[in-house]
Amino acid sequence: EIQQGDILSLMREPSNEHDPMAILICTADGKKLGYIPKDENTIIGNMIDAGKLISALVLDVVDHQKYLDISIEIYLND
């Protein structure tokens, strides 16, 4: 269902037991796709916590049969 050019939502998930700075990536209709990697989520998480609206644009999708490899570009919607 995910295609190049789709806009994705990024939202904090502070209740995540594995990472208190977790950032969930969702489709426009709310389907969970995954998370921003733990070692890359601090700055984005702090921006979201400060009330900034952050989204992502799908640049590429590679179907590996068992999982999708999705490349995104992150934007600050100011």
PDB file of N, CA and C in Angstrom:
ATOM      1  N   GLU A   1       0.792  -1.195   0.000  1.00  0.00           N
ATOM      2  CA  GLU A   1       0.000   0.000   0.000  1.00  0.00           C
ATOM      3  C   GLU A   1       0.842   1.269   0.000  1.00  0.00           C
ATOM      4  N   ILE A   2       2.037   1.197   0.516  1.00  0.00           N
ATOM      5  CA  ILE A   2       2.895   2.382   0.614  1.00  0.00           C
ATOM      6  C   ILE A   2       3.554   2.619  -0.738  1.00  0.00           C
ATOM      7  N   GLN A   3       3.513   3.882  -1.169  1.00  0.00           N
ATOM      8  CA  GLN A   3       4.100   4.225  -2.461  1.00  0.00           C
ATOM      9  C   GLN A   3       4.995   5.452  -2.341  1.00  0.00           C
ATOM     10  N   GLN A   4       5.897   5.578  -3.283  1.00  0.00           N
ATOM     11  CA  GLN A   4       6.729   6.767  -3.371  1.00  0.00           C
ATOM     12  C   GLN A   4       5.821   7.992  -3.459  1.00  0.00           C
ATOM     13  N   GLY A   5       6.136   9.028  -2.683  1.00  0.00           N
ATOM     14  CA  GLY A   5       5.348  10.248  -2.675  1.00  0.00           C
ATOM     15  C   GLY A   5       4.322  10.326  -1.562  1.00  0.00           C
ATOM     16  N   ASP A   6       4.053   9.208  -0.876  1.00  0.00           N
ATOM     17  CA  ASP A   6       3.106   9.232   0.240  1.00  0.00           C
ATOM     18  C   ASP A   6       3.662  10.084   1.385  1.00  0.00           C
ATOM     19  N   ILE A   7       2.758  10.732   2.112  1.00  0.00           N
ATOM     20  CA  ILE A   7       3.120  11.496   3.295  1.00  0.00           C
ATOM     21  C   ILE A   7       2.801  10.641   4.519  1.00  0.00           C
ATOM     22  N   LEU A   8       3.753  10.543   5.438  1.00  0.00           N
ATOM     23  CA  LEU A   8       3.592   9.752   6.648  1.00  0.00           C
ATOM     24  C   LEU A   8       3.595  10.652   7.873  1.00  0.00           C
ATOM     25  N   SER A   9       2.927  10.195   8.922  1.00  0.00           N
ATOM     26  CA  SER A   9       2.892  10.921  10.187  1.00  0.00           C
ATOM     27  C   SER A   9       3.958  10.381  11.124  1.00  0.00           C
ATOM     28  N   LEU A  10       4.559  11.275  11.879  1.00  0.00           N
ATOM     29  CA  LEU A  10       5.515  10.894  12.920  1.00  0.00           C
ATOM     30  C   LEU A  10       4.947  11.367  14.243  1.00  0.00           C
ATOM     31  N   MET A  11       4.879  10.464  15.225  1.00  0.00           N
ATOM     32  CA  MET A  11       4.361  10.855  16.527  1.00  0.00           C
ATOM     33  C   MET A  11       5.129  10.167  17.641  1.00  0.00           C
ATOM     34  N   ARG A  12       5.259  10.877  18.728  1.00  0.00           N
ATOM     35  CA  ARG A  12       5.961  10.336  19.883  1.00  0.00           C
ATOM     36  C   ARG A  12       5.143   9.230  20.529  1.00  0.00           C
ATOM     37  N   GLU A  13       5.847   8.285  21.103  1.00  0.00           N
ATOM     38  CA  GLU A  13       5.215   7.185  21.824  1.00  0.00           C
ATOM     39  C   GLU A  13       5.954   7.019  23.160  1.00  0.00           C
ATOM     40  N   PRO A  14       5.754   7.971  24.088  1.00  0.00           N
ATOM     41  CA  PRO A  14       6.509   7.958  25.343  1.00  0.00           C
ATOM     42  C   PRO A  14       6.244   6.743  26.219  1.00  0.00           C
ATOM     43  N   SER A  15       5.156   6.037  25.983  1.00  0.00           N
ATOM     44  CA  SER A  15       4.850   4.840  26.774  1.00  0.00           C
ATOM     45  C   SER A  15       5.568   3.594  26.256  1.00  0.00           C
ATOM     46  N   ASN A  16       6.349   3.738  25.195  1.00  0.00           N
ATOM     47  CA  ASN A  16       7.080   2.599  24.624  1.00  0.00           C
ATOM     48  C   ASN A  16       8.074   2.062  25.657  1.00  0.00           C
ATOM     49  N   GLU A  17       7.936   0.806  26.027  1.00  0.00           N
ATOM     50  CA  GLU A  17       8.788   0.221  27.076  1.00  0.00           C
ATOM     51  C   GLU A  17      10.232   0.012  26.641  1.00  0.00           C
ATOM     52  N   HIS A  18      10.502  -0.007  25.339  1.00  0.00           N
ATOM     53  CA  HIS A  18      11.858  -0.231  24.844  1.00  0.00           C
ATOM     54  C   HIS A  18      12.631   1.062  24.618  1.00  0.00           C
ATOM     55  N   ASP A  19      11.894   2.173  24.428  1.00  0.00           N
ATOM     56  CA  ASP A  19      12.542   3.446  24.137  1.00  0.00           C
ATOM     57  C   ASP A  19      11.612   4.598  24.511  1.00  0.00           C
ATOM     58  N   PRO A  20      11.907   5.319  25.593  1.00  0.00           N
ATOM     59  CA  PRO A  20      11.033   6.422  26.001  1.00  0.00           C
ATOM     60  C   PRO A  20      10.997   7.588  25.006  1.00  0.00           C
ATOM     61  N   MET A  21      11.942   7.629  24.064  1.00  0.00           N
ATOM     62  CA  MET A  21      11.952   8.662  23.023  1.00  0.00           C
ATOM     63  C   MET A  21      11.420   8.129  21.696  1.00  0.00           C
ATOM     64  N   ALA A  22      10.741   6.996  21.713  1.00  0.00           N
ATOM     65  CA  ALA A  22      10.261   6.334  20.491  1.00  0.00           C
ATOM     66  C   ALA A  22       9.393   7.266  19.644  1.00  0.00           C
ATOM     67  N   ILE A  23       9.623   7.183  18.329  1.00  0.00           N
ATOM     68  CA  ILE A  23       8.828   7.940  17.371  1.00  0.00           C
ATOM     69  C   ILE A  23       8.212   6.953  16.395  1.00  0.00           C
ATOM     70  N   LEU A  24       6.910   6.886  16.430  1.00  0.00           N
ATOM     71  CA  LEU A  24       6.138   5.978  15.600  1.00  0.00           C
ATOM     72  C   LEU A  24       5.906   6.589  14.220  1.00  0.00           C
ATOM     73  N   ILE A  25       6.027   5.766  13.192  1.00  0.00           N
ATOM     74  CA  ILE A  25       5.758   6.190  11.814  1.00  0.00           C
ATOM     75  C   ILE A  25       4.443   5.540  11.387  1.00  0.00           C
ATOM     76  N   CYS A  26       3.489   6.385  10.926  1.00  0.00           N
ATOM     77  CA  CYS A  26       2.166   5.889  10.535  1.00  0.00           C
ATOM     78  C   CYS A  26       1.779   6.409   9.156  1.00  0.00           C
ATOM     79  N   THR A  27       0.918   5.647   8.497  1.00  0.00           N
ATOM     80  CA  THR A  27       0.338   6.096   7.232  1.00  0.00           C
ATOM     81  C   THR A  27      -0.695   7.181   7.514  1.00  0.00           C
ATOM     82  N   ALA A  28      -1.178   7.799   6.463  1.00  0.00           N
ATOM     83  CA  ALA A  28      -2.186   8.859   6.601  1.00  0.00           C
ATOM     84  C   ALA A  28      -3.463   8.341   7.267  1.00  0.00           C
ATOM     85  N   ASP A  29      -3.773   7.045   7.084  1.00  0.00           N
ATOM     86  CA  ASP A  29      -4.975   6.491   7.705  1.00  0.00           C
ATOM     87  C   ASP A  29      -4.699   5.810   9.052  1.00  0.00           C
ATOM     88  N   GLY A  30      -3.496   6.041   9.609  1.00  0.00           N
ATOM     89  CA  GLY A  30      -3.191   5.589  10.958  1.00  0.00           C
ATOM     90  C   GLY A  30      -2.565   4.218  11.112  1.00  0.00           C
ATOM     91  N   LYS A  31      -2.220   3.551  10.024  1.00  0.00           N
ATOM     92  CA  LYS A  31      -1.586   2.232  10.139  1.00  0.00           C
ATOM     93  C   LYS A  31      -0.135   2.392  10.577  1.00  0.00           C
ATOM     94  N   LYS A  32       0.263   1.602  11.581  1.00  0.00           N
ATOM     95  CA  LYS A  32       1.626   1.654  12.091  1.00  0.00           C
ATOM     96  C   LYS A  32       2.575   0.985  11.100  1.00  0.00           C
ATOM     97  N   LEU A  33       3.665   1.688  10.766  1.00  0.00           N
ATOM     98  CA  LEU A  33       4.670   1.121   9.866  1.00  0.00           C
ATOM     99  C   LEU A  33       5.928   0.700  10.606  1.00  0.00           C
ATOM    100  N   GLY A  34       6.267   1.424  11.644  1.00  0.00           N
ATOM    101  CA  GLY A  34       7.489   1.138  12.378  1.00  0.00           C
ATOM    102  C   GLY A  34       7.931   2.363  13.150  1.00  0.00           C
ATOM    103  N   TYR A  35       9.234   2.427  13.418  1.00  0.00           N
ATOM    104  CA  TYR A  35       9.778   3.484  14.257  1.00  0.00           C
ATOM    105  C   TYR A  35      11.022   4.103  13.634  1.00  0.00           C
ATOM    106  N   ILE A  36      11.270   5.356  13.987  1.00  0.00           N
ATOM    107  CA  ILE A  36      12.555   5.978  13.669  1.00  0.00           C
ATOM    108  C   ILE A  36      13.589   5.233  14.510  1.00  0.00           C
ATOM    109  N   PRO A  37      14.753   4.882  13.945  1.00  0.00           N
ATOM    110  CA  PRO A  37      15.762   4.165  14.734  1.00  0.00           C
ATOM    111  C   PRO A  37      16.111   4.903  16.035  1.00  0.00           C
ATOM    112  N   LYS A  38      16.299   4.135  17.088  1.00  0.00           N
ATOM    113  CA  LYS A  38      16.553   4.675  18.426  1.00  0.00           C
ATOM    114  C   LYS A  38      17.730   5.640  18.453  1.00  0.00           C
ATOM    115  N   ASP A  39      18.765   5.359  17.683  1.00  0.00           N
ATOM    116  CA  ASP A  39      19.946   6.224  17.705  1.00  0.00           C
ATOM    117  C   ASP A  39      19.778   7.484  16.856  1.00  0.00           C
ATOM    118  N   GLU A  40      18.595   7.673  16.261  1.00  0.00           N
ATOM    119  CA  GLU A  40      18.343   8.839  15.421  1.00  0.00           C
ATOM    120  C   GLU A  40      17.092   9.615  15.832  1.00  0.00           C
ATOM    121  N   ASN A  41      16.486   9.284  16.977  1.00  0.00           N
ATOM    122  CA  ASN A  41      15.188   9.864  17.279  1.00  0.00           C
ATOM    123  C   ASN A  41      15.180  11.014  18.287  1.00  0.00           C
ATOM    124  N   THR A  42      16.298  11.319  18.919  1.00  0.00           N
ATOM    125  CA  THR A  42      16.305  12.316  19.985  1.00  0.00           C
ATOM    126  C   THR A  42      15.939  13.720  19.499  1.00  0.00           C
ATOM    127  N   ILE A  43      16.575  14.196  18.454  1.00  0.00           N
ATOM    128  CA  ILE A  43      16.305  15.554  17.965  1.00  0.00           C
ATOM    129  C   ILE A  43      14.867  15.667  17.466  1.00  0.00           C
ATOM    130  N   ILE A  44      14.430  14.695  16.695  1.00  0.00           N
ATOM    131  CA  ILE A  44      13.057  14.713  16.178  1.00  0.00           C
ATOM    132  C   ILE A  44      12.072  14.638  17.341  1.00  0.00           C
ATOM    133  N   GLY A  45      12.333  13.787  18.312  1.00  0.00           N
ATOM    134  CA  GLY A  45      11.460  13.664  19.470  1.00  0.00           C
ATOM    135  C   GLY A  45      11.357  14.962  20.255  1.00  0.00           C
ATOM    136  N   ASN A  46      12.489  15.636  20.440  1.00  0.00           N
ATOM    137  CA  ASN A  46      12.480  16.910  21.154  1.00  0.00           C
ATOM    138  C   ASN A  46      11.678  17.963  20.387  1.00  0.00           C
ATOM    139  N   MET A  47      11.763  17.957  19.071  1.00  0.00           N
ATOM    140  CA  MET A  47      10.992  18.898  18.265  1.00  0.00           C
ATOM    141  C   MET A  47       9.495  18.623  18.387  1.00  0.00           C
ATOM    142  N   ILE A  48       9.112  17.351  18.327  1.00  0.00           N
ATOM    143  CA  ILE A  48       7.700  16.992  18.483  1.00  0.00           C
ATOM    144  C   ILE A  48       7.219  17.397  19.876  1.00  0.00           C
ATOM    145  N   ASP A  49       8.035  17.120  20.905  1.00  0.00           N
ATOM    146  CA  ASP A  49       7.668  17.484  22.278  1.00  0.00           C
ATOM    147  C   ASP A  49       7.507  18.994  22.434  1.00  0.00           C
ATOM    148  N   ALA A  50       8.218  19.772  21.621  1.00  0.00           N
ATOM    149  CA  ALA A  50       8.132  21.234  21.669  1.00  0.00           C
ATOM    150  C   ALA A  50       6.942  21.759  20.870  1.00  0.00           C
ATOM    151  N   GLY A  51       6.143  20.850  20.306  1.00  0.00           N
ATOM    152  CA  GLY A  51       4.940  21.256  19.593  1.00  0.00           C
ATOM    153  C   GLY A  51       5.109  21.433  18.091  1.00  0.00           C
ATOM    154  N   LYS A  52       6.266  21.066  17.563  1.00  0.00           N
ATOM    155  CA  LYS A  52       6.488  21.176  16.119  1.00  0.00           C
ATOM    156  C   LYS A  52       5.797  20.021  15.395  1.00  0.00           C
ATOM    157  N   LEU A  53       5.268  20.317  14.225  1.00  0.00           N
ATOM    158  CA  LEU A  53       4.619  19.304  13.402  1.00  0.00           C
ATOM    159  C   LEU A  53       5.655  18.742  12.438  1.00  0.00           C
ATOM    160  N   ILE A  54       5.924  17.457  12.558  1.00  0.00           N
ATOM    161  CA  ILE A  54       6.930  16.776  11.749  1.00  0.00           C
ATOM    162  C   ILE A  54       6.226  15.719  10.899  1.00  0.00           C
ATOM    163  N   SER A  55       6.597  15.637   9.629  1.00  0.00           N
ATOM    164  CA  SER A  55       6.051  14.601   8.754  1.00  0.00           C
ATOM    165  C   SER A  55       7.186  14.010   7.929  1.00  0.00           C
ATOM    166  N   ALA A  56       6.858  12.990   7.156  1.00  0.00           N
ATOM    167  CA  ALA A  56       7.866  12.327   6.330  1.00  0.00           C
ATOM    168  C   ALA A  56       7.290  12.062   4.942  1.00  0.00           C
ATOM    169  N   LEU A  57       8.142  12.152   3.947  1.00  0.00           N
ATOM    170  CA  LEU A  57       7.797  11.862   2.563  1.00  0.00           C
ATOM    171  C   LEU A  57       8.482  10.561   2.171  1.00  0.00           C
ATOM    172  N   VAL A  58       7.724   9.627   1.593  1.00  0.00           N
ATOM    173  CA  VAL A  58       8.294   8.354   1.142  1.00  0.00           C
ATOM    174  C   VAL A  58       9.078   8.602  -0.146  1.00  0.00           C
ATOM    175  N   LEU A  59      10.379   8.296  -0.104  1.00  0.00           N
ATOM    176  CA  LEU A  59      11.233   8.458  -1.279  1.00  0.00           C
ATOM    177  C   LEU A  59      11.322   7.186  -2.105  1.00  0.00           C
ATOM    178  N   ASP A  60      11.326   6.035  -1.417  1.00  0.00           N
ATOM    179  CA  ASP A  60      11.498   4.769  -2.122  1.00  0.00           C
ATOM    180  C   ASP A  60      10.938   3.639  -1.270  1.00  0.00           C
ATOM    181  N   VAL A  61      10.417   2.607  -1.919  1.00  0.00           N
ATOM    182  CA  VAL A  61       9.907   1.421  -1.236  1.00  0.00           C
ATOM    183  C   VAL A  61      10.460   0.194  -1.944  1.00  0.00           C
ATOM    184  N   VAL A  62      11.113  -0.687  -1.169  1.00  0.00           N
ATOM    185  CA  VAL A  62      11.629  -1.942  -1.713  1.00  0.00           C
ATOM    186  C   VAL A  62      10.946  -3.087  -0.963  1.00  0.00           C
ATOM    187  N   ASP A  63      10.271  -3.942  -1.703  1.00  0.00           N
ATOM    188  CA  ASP A  63       9.556  -5.075  -1.112  1.00  0.00           C
ATOM    189  C   ASP A  63      10.492  -6.277  -1.053  1.00  0.00           C
ATOM    190  N   HIS A  64      10.814  -6.707   0.169  1.00  0.00           N
ATOM    191  CA  HIS A  64      11.696  -7.855   0.382  1.00  0.00           C
ATOM    192  C   HIS A  64      10.895  -9.111   0.726  1.00  0.00           C
ATOM    193  N   GLN A  65       9.653  -9.179   0.313  1.00  0.00           N
ATOM    194  CA  GLN A  65       8.731 -10.298   0.557  1.00  0.00           C
ATOM    195  C   GLN A  65       8.276 -10.352   2.022  1.00  0.00           C
ATOM    196  N   LYS A  66       9.206 -10.429   2.977  1.00  0.00           N
ATOM    197  CA  LYS A  66       8.837 -10.528   4.390  1.00  0.00           C
ATOM    198  C   LYS A  66       8.738  -9.164   5.069  1.00  0.00           C
ATOM    199  N   TYR A  67       9.319  -8.154   4.458  1.00  0.00           N
ATOM    200  CA  TYR A  67       9.261  -6.808   5.018  1.00  0.00           C
ATOM    201  C   TYR A  67       9.486  -5.783   3.910  1.00  0.00           C
ATOM    202  N   LEU A  68       9.124  -4.542   4.205  1.00  0.00           N
ATOM    203  CA  LEU A  68       9.357  -3.435   3.278  1.00  0.00           C
ATOM    204  C   LEU A  68      10.517  -2.600   3.782  1.00  0.00           C
ATOM    205  N   ASP A  69      11.355  -2.157   2.891  1.00  0.00           N
ATOM    206  CA  ASP A  69      12.432  -1.227   3.198  1.00  0.00           C
ATOM    207  C   ASP A  69      11.986   0.122   2.641  1.00  0.00           C
ATOM    208  N   ILE A  70      11.655   1.054   3.536  1.00  0.00           N
ATOM    209  CA  ILE A  70      11.090   2.346   3.134  1.00  0.00           C
ATOM    210  C   ILE A  70      12.080   3.452   3.433  1.00  0.00           C
ATOM    211  N   SER A  71      12.459   4.202   2.403  1.00  0.00           N
ATOM    212  CA  SER A  71      13.326   5.371   2.586  1.00  0.00           C
ATOM    213  C   SER A  71      12.437   6.603   2.686  1.00  0.00           C
ATOM    214  N   ILE A  72      12.706   7.432   3.709  1.00  0.00           N
ATOM    215  CA  ILE A  72      11.894   8.630   3.909  1.00  0.00           C
ATOM    216  C   ILE A  72      12.783   9.863   4.039  1.00  0.00           C
ATOM    217  N   GLU A  73      12.160  10.993   3.830  1.00  0.00           N
ATOM    218  CA  GLU A  73      12.782  12.283   4.092  1.00  0.00           C
ATOM    219  C   GLU A  73      11.872  12.976   5.099  1.00  0.00           C
ATOM    220  N   ILE A  74      12.471  13.526   6.163  1.00  0.00           N
ATOM    221  CA  ILE A  74      11.694  14.123   7.247  1.00  0.00           C
ATOM    222  C   ILE A  74      11.632  15.635   7.074  1.00  0.00           C
ATOM    223  N   TYR A  75      10.421  16.184   7.340  1.00  0.00           N
ATOM    224  CA  TYR A  75      10.179  17.610   7.154  1.00  0.00           C
ATOM    225  C   TYR A  75       9.605  18.238   8.411  1.00  0.00           C
ATOM    226  N   LEU A  76      10.028  19.457   8.675  1.00  0.00           N
ATOM    227  CA  LEU A  76       9.417  20.295   9.705  1.00  0.00           C
ATOM    228  C   LEU A  76       8.369  21.137   9.008  1.00  0.00           C
ATOM    229  N   ASN A  77       7.119  20.985   9.388  1.00  0.00           N
ATOM    230  CA  ASN A  77       6.016  21.735   8.804  1.00  0.00           C
ATOM    231  C   ASN A  77       5.810  22.985   9.641  1.00  0.00           C
ATOM    232  N   ASP A  78       6.482  24.048   9.263  1.00  0.00           N
ATOM    233  CA  ASP A  78       6.455  25.269  10.061  1.00  0.00           C
ATOM    234  C   ASP A  78       5.415  26.242   9.576  1.00  0.00           C
TER     235      ASP A  78
END
